[in-house]
Amino acid sequence: MANRYVRVQTPQKICYGLLELNQSVQVYSQPPWLGGVPIGEILAPESYRLMAPCQPTKIVAVGCNYHDHVMELGAEMPTEPLLFLKPPSAIIAHEESIVIPAVAQRVDYEGELALVIGKLTKNVAPESASQHIWGYTIANDVTARDLQKLDAQWTRAKGFDSFCPLGPWIVREISPAALLQTFVYCGDTTRRPVQSATIDQMIFSPESLVAYISQVMTLYPGDVILTGTPAGIGQLHDGQAVSVEIEGIGKLHNPVKAEPSRDPV
């Protein structure tokens, strides 16, 4: 099994570390992409909770990056990456709840591979971009689909609190043919696998995305790039749960709950 780098919270602190097979955590001095090293402290399995594995200054997301997803949207095939931003305040961890806003009529899951940047990245070439990807994790680009269609841009639809589940940990390497799948659950019963694709089916590769984005904005260590979702997007409902699984990484699982009704702003 690949090394799994985590960010955890104890009653005393928040820290980074390496998750061991027995679920204990070897504590690091700082984020490993900033040169963190083990400090000799071990956290017992019951002494911490998993948090999102990094704290990005920004989340850069890519739309329409799988052919089948472009087709299901009825959109034109992109000739260059379609970029948008999600706020860091949208991040939640593995097992935290996705909250359906009272103002939204349809909220969708979008399972995605996420890239974690390892060093300052500006104007890099595609052939050297892989050196700037420190690792890989799982994301769910949760989207208020009705608001996305209503608004002239996507900030509101993509930016609600809890709309970026991220985790549960970071791995350093992943197979180009790794399988990405999304499952929706109701109670203990799996309803259906709703998304299934290999990540090499992307229109724009992870390396080309890093290079392209770096021509627009500086990427900092710990920043996150969401690489797009395959076909099979669909609606989430109160009381369900959604899991995004990627071979070589693991499973990101989040329950879903509805926000209580509130007066319009």
C-alpha atoms as a PDB file:
ATOM      1  CA  MET A   1       0.000   0.000   0.000  1.00  0.00           C
ATOM      2  CA  ALA A   2       1.215   3.506  -0.839  1.00  0.00           C
ATOM      3  CA  ASN A   3       2.164   5.875   1.951  1.00  0.00           C
ATOM      4  CA  ARG A   4      -0.873   7.860   3.104  1.00  0.00           C
ATOM      5  CA  TYR A   5      -0.166  11.410   4.288  1.00  0.00           C
ATOM      6  CA  VAL A   6      -2.807  12.883   6.568  1.00  0.00           C
ATOM      7  CA  ARG A   7      -3.738  15.992   8.486  1.00  0.00           C
ATOM      8  CA  VAL A   8      -5.330  15.245  11.844  1.00  0.00           C
ATOM      9  CA  GLN A   9      -6.757  16.970  14.884  1.00  0.00           C
ATOM     10  CA  THR A  10      -6.236  15.971  18.499  1.00  0.00           C
ATOM     11  CA  PRO A  11      -7.552  17.762  21.587  1.00  0.00           C
ATOM     12  CA  GLN A  12      -4.225  19.607  21.730  1.00  0.00           C
ATOM     13  CA  LYS A  13      -3.287  20.395  18.139  1.00  0.00           C
ATOM     14  CA  ILE A  14      -3.662  19.995  14.395  1.00  0.00           C
ATOM     15  CA  CYS A  15      -0.738  18.298  12.672  1.00  0.00           C
ATOM     16  CA  TYR A  16       0.397  16.438   9.584  1.00  0.00           C
ATOM     17  CA  GLY A  17       1.630  12.900   9.563  1.00  0.00           C
ATOM     18  CA  LEU A  18       1.918   9.479   7.979  1.00  0.00           C
ATOM     19  CA  LEU A  19      -0.949   7.032   8.507  1.00  0.00           C
ATOM     20  CA  GLU A  20       0.313   3.578   9.482  1.00  0.00           C
ATOM     21  CA  LEU A  21      -1.395   0.275   8.622  1.00  0.00           C
ATOM     22  CA  ASN A  22      -2.622  -0.063  12.228  1.00  0.00           C
ATOM     23  CA  GLN A  23      -4.254   3.409  11.904  1.00  0.00           C
ATOM     24  CA  SER A  24      -1.756   5.114  14.196  1.00  0.00           C
ATOM     25  CA  VAL A  25      -0.219   8.346  12.879  1.00  0.00           C
ATOM     26  CA  GLN A  26       3.479   9.185  12.774  1.00  0.00           C
ATOM     27  CA  VAL A  27       3.526  12.956  13.410  1.00  0.00           C
ATOM     28  CA  TYR A  28       5.495  15.254  11.088  1.00  0.00           C
ATOM     29  CA  SER A  29       7.100  18.585  11.947  1.00  0.00           C
ATOM     30  CA  GLN A  30       5.154  20.399   9.195  1.00  0.00           C
ATOM     31  CA  PRO A  31       3.446  19.557   5.896  1.00  0.00           C
ATOM     32  CA  PRO A  32       5.626  17.019   4.080  1.00  0.00           C
ATOM     33  CA  TRP A  33       5.611  19.087   0.872  1.00  0.00           C
ATOM     34  CA  LEU A  34       7.311  21.839   2.905  1.00  0.00           C
ATOM     35  CA  GLY A  35      10.004  19.469   4.115  1.00  0.00           C
ATOM     36  CA  GLY A  36       8.240  18.089   7.169  1.00  0.00           C
ATOM     37  CA  VAL A  37       9.889  15.084   8.830  1.00  0.00           C
ATOM     38  CA  PRO A  38       8.852  12.662  11.588  1.00  0.00           C
ATOM     39  CA  ILE A  39       9.347  14.076  15.081  1.00  0.00           C
ATOM     40  CA  GLY A  40       9.179  10.748  16.906  1.00  0.00           C
ATOM     41  CA  GLU A  41       5.610  11.155  18.163  1.00  0.00           C
ATOM     42  CA  ILE A  42       2.965   8.506  17.432  1.00  0.00           C
ATOM     43  CA  LEU A  43      -0.792   9.147  17.744  1.00  0.00           C
ATOM     44  CA  ALA A  44      -2.932   6.176  18.733  1.00  0.00           C
ATOM     45  CA  PRO A  45      -5.853   5.370  16.395  1.00  0.00           C
ATOM     46  CA  GLU A  46      -8.522   6.581  18.846  1.00  0.00           C
ATOM     47  CA  SER A  47      -6.722   9.834  19.702  1.00  0.00           C
ATOM     48  CA  TYR A  48      -7.319  11.897  16.544  1.00  0.00           C
ATOM     49  CA  ARG A  49      -9.814  12.678  13.815  1.00  0.00           C
ATOM     50  CA  LEU A  50      -9.026  13.026  10.129  1.00  0.00           C
ATOM     51  CA  MET A  51      -9.218  16.495   8.629  1.00  0.00           C
ATOM     52  CA  ALA A  52      -8.949  17.558   5.001  1.00  0.00           C
ATOM     53  CA  PRO A  53      -5.361  16.623   4.095  1.00  0.00           C
ATOM     54  CA  CYS A  54      -4.177  20.141   3.190  1.00  0.00           C
ATOM     55  CA  GLN A  55      -5.060  23.817   3.567  1.00  0.00           C
ATOM     56  CA  PRO A  56      -4.865  25.382   0.097  1.00  0.00           C
ATOM     57  CA  THR A  57      -4.727  29.095  -0.567  1.00  0.00           C
ATOM     58  CA  LYS A  58      -7.027  28.316  -3.493  1.00  0.00           C
ATOM     59  CA  ILE A  59      -8.865  25.484  -5.193  1.00  0.00           C
ATOM     60  CA  VAL A  60      -8.639  25.650  -8.985  1.00  0.00           C
ATOM     61  CA  ALA A  61     -11.227  23.447 -10.663  1.00  0.00           C
ATOM     62  CA  VAL A  62     -11.596  22.299 -14.253  1.00  0.00           C
ATOM     63  CA  GLY A  63     -14.903  21.864 -16.031  1.00  0.00           C
ATOM     64  CA  CYS A  64     -15.723  19.579 -18.968  1.00  0.00           C
ATOM     65  CA  ASN A  65     -12.547  17.483 -18.818  1.00  0.00           C
ATOM     66  CA  TYR A  66     -14.022  14.067 -19.725  1.00  0.00           C
ATOM     67  CA  HIS A  67     -15.509  13.457 -23.183  1.00  0.00           C
ATOM     68  CA  ASP A  68     -18.569  11.605 -21.886  1.00  0.00           C
ATOM     69  CA  HIS A  69     -19.329  14.335 -19.358  1.00  0.00           C
ATOM     70  CA  VAL A  70     -19.169  16.987 -22.079  1.00  0.00           C
ATOM     71  CA  MET A  71     -21.623  14.906 -24.088  1.00  0.00           C
ATOM     72  CA  GLU A  72     -24.058  14.451 -21.193  1.00  0.00           C
ATOM     73  CA  LEU A  73     -24.073  18.233 -20.654  1.00  0.00           C
ATOM     74  CA  GLY A  74     -24.678  18.870 -24.338  1.00  0.00           C
ATOM     75  CA  ALA A  75     -21.670  21.193 -24.354  1.00  0.00           C
ATOM     76  CA  GLU A  76     -19.026  21.821 -26.977  1.00  0.00           C
ATOM     77  CA  MET A  77     -15.753  19.930 -26.660  1.00  0.00           C
ATOM     78  CA  PRO A  78     -13.227  22.324 -25.078  1.00  0.00           C
ATOM     79  CA  THR A  79     -10.113  23.343 -26.959  1.00  0.00           C
ATOM     80  CA  GLU A  80      -8.421  24.510 -23.743  1.00  0.00           C
ATOM     81  CA  PRO A  81      -9.156  23.912 -20.062  1.00  0.00           C
ATOM     82  CA  LEU A  82     -12.224  25.590 -18.587  1.00  0.00           C
ATOM     83  CA  LEU A  83     -11.200  26.980 -15.188  1.00  0.00           C
ATOM     84  CA  PHE A  84     -13.143  28.148 -12.160  1.00  0.00           C
ATOM     85  CA  LEU A  85     -12.412  28.606  -8.460  1.00  0.00           C
ATOM     86  CA  LYS A  86     -13.900  27.119  -5.331  1.00  0.00           C
ATOM     87  CA  PRO A  87     -13.268  28.867  -1.992  1.00  0.00           C
ATOM     88  CA  PRO A  88     -11.221  27.066   0.670  1.00  0.00           C
ATOM     89  CA  SER A  89     -14.200  27.585   3.009  1.00  0.00           C
ATOM     90  CA  ALA A  90     -16.050  24.949   0.935  1.00  0.00           C
ATOM     91  CA  ILE A  91     -13.671  22.199   2.098  1.00  0.00           C
ATOM     92  CA  ILE A  92     -14.894  19.465   4.421  1.00  0.00           C
ATOM     93  CA  ALA A  93     -13.172  16.268   5.498  1.00  0.00           C
ATOM     94  CA  HIS A  94     -13.938  12.598   5.025  1.00  0.00           C
ATOM     95  CA  GLU A  95     -17.148  11.688   6.924  1.00  0.00           C
ATOM     96  CA  GLU A  96     -18.242  15.321   7.380  1.00  0.00           C
ATOM     97  CA  SER A  97     -21.668  16.263   6.009  1.00  0.00           C
ATOM     98  CA  ILE A  98     -22.467  17.831   2.669  1.00  0.00           C
ATOM     99  CA  VAL A  99     -25.200  20.378   3.394  1.00  0.00           C
ATOM    100  CA  ILE A 100     -27.859  20.998   0.745  1.00  0.00           C
ATOM    101  CA  PRO A 101     -28.591  24.751   0.894  1.00  0.00           C
ATOM    102  CA  ALA A 102     -32.205  25.790   1.395  1.00  0.00           C
ATOM    103  CA  VAL A 103     -31.915  28.078  -1.653  1.00  0.00           C
ATOM    104  CA  ALA A 104     -30.967  25.230  -4.018  1.00  0.00           C
ATOM    105  CA  GLN A 105     -33.416  22.877  -5.708  1.00  0.00           C
ATOM    106  CA  ARG A 106     -30.849  20.465  -7.124  1.00  0.00           C
ATOM    107  CA  VAL A 107     -27.412  19.656  -5.696  1.00  0.00           C
ATOM    108  CA  ASP A 108     -25.213  17.204  -7.606  1.00  0.00           C
ATOM    109  CA  TYR A 109     -22.152  15.085  -6.795  1.00  0.00           C
ATOM    110  CA  GLU A 110     -19.085  15.234  -9.049  1.00  0.00           C
ATOM    111  CA  GLY A 111     -16.344  12.764  -8.130  1.00  0.00           C
ATOM    112  CA  GLU A 112     -12.854  13.928  -9.117  1.00  0.00           C
ATOM    113  CA  LEU A 113      -9.132  13.318  -8.837  1.00  0.00           C
ATOM    114  CA  ALA A 114      -7.428  16.195  -7.017  1.00  0.00           C
ATOM    115  CA  LEU A 115      -3.807  17.286  -7.380  1.00  0.00           C
ATOM    116  CA  VAL A 116      -1.827  18.770  -4.497  1.00  0.00           C
ATOM    117  CA  ILE A 117       0.881  21.235  -5.497  1.00  0.00           C
ATOM    118  CA  GLY A 118       4.270  20.740  -3.838  1.00  0.00           C
ATOM    119  CA  LYS A 119       6.224  23.893  -4.646  1.00  0.00           C
ATOM    120  CA  LEU A 120       5.874  27.391  -6.026  1.00  0.00           C
ATOM    121  CA  THR A 121       4.567  26.992  -9.560  1.00  0.00           C
ATOM    122  CA  LYS A 122       4.535  29.754 -12.169  1.00  0.00           C
ATOM    123  CA  ASN A 123       4.859  29.513 -15.952  1.00  0.00           C
ATOM    124  CA  VAL A 124       5.987  25.894 -15.979  1.00  0.00           C
ATOM    125  CA  ALA A 125       6.153  23.811 -19.145  1.00  0.00           C
ATOM    126  CA  PRO A 126       4.005  20.654 -19.496  1.00  0.00           C
ATOM    127  CA  GLU A 127       7.105  18.451 -19.596  1.00  0.00           C
ATOM    128  CA  SER A 128       8.240  19.692 -16.173  1.00  0.00           C
ATOM    129  CA  ALA A 129       4.806  20.089 -14.546  1.00  0.00           C
ATOM    130  CA  SER A 130       4.886  16.645 -12.915  1.00  0.00           C
ATOM    131  CA  GLN A 131       7.730  17.877 -10.695  1.00  0.00           C
ATOM    132  CA  HIS A 132       5.297  20.384  -9.171  1.00  0.00           C
ATOM    133  CA  ILE A 133       2.609  17.810  -8.294  1.00  0.00           C
ATOM    134  CA  TRP A 134       3.409  16.600  -4.780  1.00  0.00           C
ATOM    135  CA  GLY A 135       0.560  14.115  -4.571  1.00  0.00           C
ATOM    136  CA  TYR A 136      -2.997  13.056  -5.259  1.00  0.00           C
ATOM    137  CA  THR A 137      -6.205  12.911  -3.269  1.00  0.00           C
ATOM    138  CA  ILE A 138      -9.966  12.633  -3.870  1.00  0.00           C
ATOM    139  CA  ALA A 139     -12.502  15.430  -4.198  1.00  0.00           C
ATOM    140  CA  ASN A 140     -16.210  15.877  -4.736  1.00  0.00           C
ATOM    141  CA  ASP A 141     -17.005  19.050  -6.678  1.00  0.00           C
ATOM    142  CA  VAL A 142     -20.503  19.431  -5.219  1.00  0.00           C
ATOM    143  CA  THR A 143     -22.616  21.754  -7.376  1.00  0.00           C
ATOM    144  CA  ALA A 144     -25.984  23.466  -7.037  1.00  0.00           C
ATOM    145  CA  ARG A 145     -26.980  22.636 -10.607  1.00  0.00           C
ATOM    146  CA  ASP A 146     -30.075  24.856 -10.730  1.00  0.00           C
ATOM    147  CA  LEU A 147     -28.090  27.869  -9.543  1.00  0.00           C
ATOM    148  CA  GLN A 148     -25.293  27.083 -11.992  1.00  0.00           C
ATOM    149  CA  LYS A 149     -27.812  27.286 -14.826  1.00  0.00           C
ATOM    150  CA  LEU A 150     -29.421  30.408 -13.393  1.00  0.00           C
ATOM    151  CA  ASP A 151     -26.285  32.472 -12.804  1.00  0.00           C
ATOM    152  CA  ALA A 152     -24.020  33.890 -15.483  1.00  0.00           C
ATOM    153  CA  GLN A 153     -21.014  32.371 -13.695  1.00  0.00           C
ATOM    154  CA  TRP A 154     -20.439  29.477 -11.301  1.00  0.00           C
ATOM    155  CA  THR A 155     -19.212  31.062  -8.067  1.00  0.00           C
ATOM    156  CA  ARG A 156     -22.417  30.668  -6.089  1.00  0.00           C
ATOM    157  CA  ALA A 157     -23.269  27.213  -7.440  1.00  0.00           C
ATOM    158  CA  LYS A 158     -19.819  25.821  -6.602  1.00  0.00           C
ATOM    159  CA  GLY A 159     -18.967  27.847  -3.527  1.00  0.00           C
ATOM    160  CA  PHE A 160     -21.325  26.903  -0.687  1.00  0.00           C
ATOM    161  CA  ASP A 161     -19.842  25.706   2.583  1.00  0.00           C
ATOM    162  CA  SER A 162     -19.349  21.909   2.453  1.00  0.00           C
ATOM    163  CA  PHE A 163     -19.249  21.842  -1.382  1.00  0.00           C
ATOM    164  CA  CYS A 164     -15.669  20.529  -1.561  1.00  0.00           C
ATOM    165  CA  PRO A 165     -15.194  17.256   0.318  1.00  0.00           C
ATOM    166  CA  LEU A 166     -11.478  16.488   0.155  1.00  0.00           C
ATOM    167  CA  GLY A 167      -9.403  13.535   1.343  1.00  0.00           C
ATOM    168  CA  PRO A 168      -9.130  11.341   3.181  1.00  0.00           C
ATOM    169  CA  TRP A 169      -5.344  11.473   2.620  1.00  0.00           C
ATOM    170  CA  ILE A 170      -2.711  12.169  -0.010  1.00  0.00           C
ATOM    171  CA  VAL A 171      -0.611   9.619  -1.905  1.00  0.00           C
ATOM    172  CA  ARG A 172       2.514  10.454  -3.879  1.00  0.00           C
ATOM    173  CA  GLU A 173       1.820   8.415  -7.021  1.00  0.00           C
ATOM    174  CA  ILE A 174      -1.142   7.084  -8.957  1.00  0.00           C
ATOM    175  CA  SER A 175      -1.557   4.919 -12.037  1.00  0.00           C
ATOM    176  CA  PRO A 176      -2.639   6.833 -15.172  1.00  0.00           C
ATOM    177  CA  ALA A 177      -5.274   4.108 -15.635  1.00  0.00           C
ATOM    178  CA  ALA A 178      -6.637   4.305 -12.072  1.00  0.00           C
ATOM    179  CA  LEU A 179     -10.401   3.779 -11.859  1.00  0.00           C
ATOM    180  CA  LEU A 180     -12.562   6.576 -10.451  1.00  0.00           C
ATOM    181  CA  GLN A 181     -16.027   5.558  -9.236  1.00  0.00           C
ATOM    182  CA  THR A 182     -18.809   7.318  -7.353  1.00  0.00           C
ATOM    183  CA  PHE A 183     -21.470   5.529  -5.314  1.00  0.00           C
ATOM    184  CA  VAL A 184     -24.657   6.922  -3.778  1.00  0.00           C
ATOM    185  CA  TYR A 185     -26.063   5.235  -0.686  1.00  0.00           C
ATOM    186  CA  CYS A 186     -29.416   5.376   1.053  1.00  0.00           C
ATOM    187  CA  GLY A 187     -29.137   3.894   4.531  1.00  0.00           C
ATOM    188  CA  ASP A 188     -26.969   0.770   4.367  1.00  0.00           C
ATOM    189  CA  THR A 189     -27.951  -0.070   0.804  1.00  0.00           C
ATOM    190  CA  THR A 190     -25.864   0.880  -2.210  1.00  0.00           C
ATOM    191  CA  ARG A 191     -28.254   2.385  -4.727  1.00  0.00           C
ATOM    192  CA  ARG A 192     -25.945   2.169  -7.732  1.00  0.00           C
ATOM    193  CA  PRO A 193     -22.472   3.013  -8.996  1.00  0.00           C
ATOM    194  CA  VAL A 194     -23.203   6.312 -10.665  1.00  0.00           C
ATOM    195  CA  GLN A 195     -19.821   7.274 -12.143  1.00  0.00           C
ATOM    196  CA  SER A 196     -17.058   5.044 -13.479  1.00  0.00           C
ATOM    197  CA  ALA A 197     -14.071   6.066 -15.600  1.00  0.00           C
ATOM    198  CA  THR A 198     -10.310   5.779 -15.676  1.00  0.00           C
ATOM    199  CA  ILE A 199      -8.433   8.996 -15.129  1.00  0.00           C
ATOM    200  CA  ASP A 200      -6.540   8.621 -18.400  1.00  0.00           C
ATOM    201  CA  GLN A 201      -9.839   9.463 -20.116  1.00  0.00           C
ATOM    202  CA  MET A 202      -9.322  13.125 -19.233  1.00  0.00           C
ATOM    203  CA  ILE A 203      -9.218  15.506 -22.162  1.00  0.00           C
ATOM    204  CA  PHE A 204      -6.401  17.486 -20.535  1.00  0.00           C
ATOM    205  CA  SER A 205      -3.900  15.520 -18.449  1.00  0.00           C
ATOM    206  CA  PRO A 206      -2.927  16.531 -14.905  1.00  0.00           C
ATOM    207  CA  GLU A 207       0.443  17.768 -16.146  1.00  0.00           C
ATOM    208  CA  SER A 208      -1.096  19.904 -18.883  1.00  0.00           C
ATOM    209  CA  LEU A 209      -3.555  21.365 -16.372  1.00  0.00           C
ATOM    210  CA  VAL A 210      -0.776  22.382 -13.986  1.00  0.00           C
ATOM    211  CA  ALA A 211       1.153  23.994 -16.846  1.00  0.00           C
ATOM    212  CA  TYR A 212      -1.917  25.800 -18.179  1.00  0.00           C
ATOM    213  CA  ILE A 213      -3.049  27.110 -14.799  1.00  0.00           C
ATOM    214  CA  SER A 214       0.469  28.259 -13.945  1.00  0.00           C
ATOM    215  CA  GLN A 215       0.366  30.597 -16.950  1.00  0.00           C
ATOM    216  CA  VAL A 216      -2.606  32.342 -15.312  1.00  0.00           C
ATOM    217  CA  MET A 217      -1.866  32.333 -11.586  1.00  0.00           C
ATOM    218  CA  THR A 218       0.883  31.349  -9.207  1.00  0.00           C
ATOM    219  CA  LEU A 219       0.244  28.051  -7.453  1.00  0.00           C
ATOM    220  CA  TYR A 220       1.564  27.681  -3.920  1.00  0.00           C
ATOM    221  CA  PRO A 221       2.514  24.554  -1.956  1.00  0.00           C
ATOM    222  CA  GLY A 222      -0.651  22.896  -0.698  1.00  0.00           C
ATOM    223  CA  ASP A 223      -2.882  24.403  -3.388  1.00  0.00           C
ATOM    224  CA  VAL A 224      -5.395  22.005  -4.935  1.00  0.00           C
ATOM    225  CA  ILE A 225      -6.463  21.399  -8.530  1.00  0.00           C
ATOM    226  CA  LEU A 226      -9.695  19.502  -9.219  1.00  0.00           C
ATOM    227  CA  THR A 227      -9.240  17.764 -12.559  1.00  0.00           C
ATOM    228  CA  GLY A 228     -12.857  17.373 -13.678  1.00  0.00           C
ATOM    229  CA  THR A 229     -15.593  14.779 -13.346  1.00  0.00           C
ATOM    230  CA  PRO A 230     -16.618  11.940 -15.664  1.00  0.00           C
ATOM    231  CA  ALA A 231     -20.137  11.261 -16.928  1.00  0.00           C
ATOM    232  CA  GLY A 232     -22.852  10.166 -14.531  1.00  0.00           C
ATOM    233  CA  ILE A 233     -23.456  13.277 -12.444  1.00  0.00           C
ATOM    234  CA  GLY A 234     -26.694  13.235 -10.482  1.00  0.00           C
ATOM    235  CA  GLN A 235     -28.687  14.693  -7.636  1.00  0.00           C
ATOM    236  CA  LEU A 236     -28.076  14.258  -3.928  1.00  0.00           C
ATOM    237  CA  HIS A 237     -30.897  14.100  -1.376  1.00  0.00           C
ATOM    238  CA  ASP A 238     -31.224  14.555   2.347  1.00  0.00           C
ATOM    239  CA  GLY A 239     -30.362  11.355   4.219  1.00  0.00           C
ATOM    240  CA  GLN A 240     -28.164   9.868   1.496  1.00  0.00           C
ATOM    241  CA  ALA A 241     -24.400   9.436   1.519  1.00  0.00           C
ATOM    242  CA  VAL A 242     -21.920   9.629  -1.329  1.00  0.00           C
ATOM    243  CA  SER A 243     -18.534   7.943  -1.756  1.00  0.00           C
ATOM    244  CA  VAL A 244     -15.900   8.755  -4.347  1.00  0.00           C
ATOM    245  CA  GLU A 245     -13.318   5.985  -4.776  1.00  0.00           C
ATOM    246  CA  ILE A 246     -10.076   6.106  -6.750  1.00  0.00           C
ATOM    247  CA  GLU A 247      -7.797   3.102  -7.177  1.00  0.00           C
ATOM    248  CA  GLY A 248      -4.517   3.634  -5.406  1.00  0.00           C
ATOM    249  CA  ILE A 249      -5.904   6.309  -3.092  1.00  0.00           C
ATOM    250  CA  GLY A 250      -8.993   5.050  -1.262  1.00  0.00           C
ATOM    251  CA  LYS A 251     -12.511   6.242  -0.506  1.00  0.00           C
ATOM    252  CA  LEU A 252     -13.906   9.684   0.341  1.00  0.00           C
ATOM    253  CA  HIS A 253     -17.271   9.235   2.071  1.00  0.00           C
ATOM    254  CA  ASN A 254     -19.707  11.968   3.121  1.00  0.00           C
ATOM    255  CA  PRO A 255     -23.276  11.907   4.443  1.00  0.00           C
ATOM    256  CA  VAL A 256     -25.759  14.378   3.016  1.00  0.00           C
ATOM    257  CA  LYS A 257     -28.175  16.537   4.960  1.00  0.00           C
ATOM    258  CA  ALA A 258     -30.543  19.364   4.054  1.00  0.00           C
ATOM    259  CA  GLU A 259     -30.233  22.807   5.536  1.00  0.00           C
ATOM    260  CA  PRO A 260     -33.395  23.944   7.349  1.00  0.00           C
ATOM    261  CA  SER A 261     -35.563  26.350   5.393  1.00  0.00           C
ATOM    262  CA  ARG A 262     -34.715  30.001   5.920  1.00  0.00           C
ATOM    263  CA  ASP A 263     -36.037  33.344   4.836  1.00  0.00           C
ATOM    264  CA  PRO A 264     -34.682  34.588   1.480  1.00  0.00           C
ATOM    265  CA  VAL A 265     -31.820  37.075   1.628  1.00  0.00           C
END
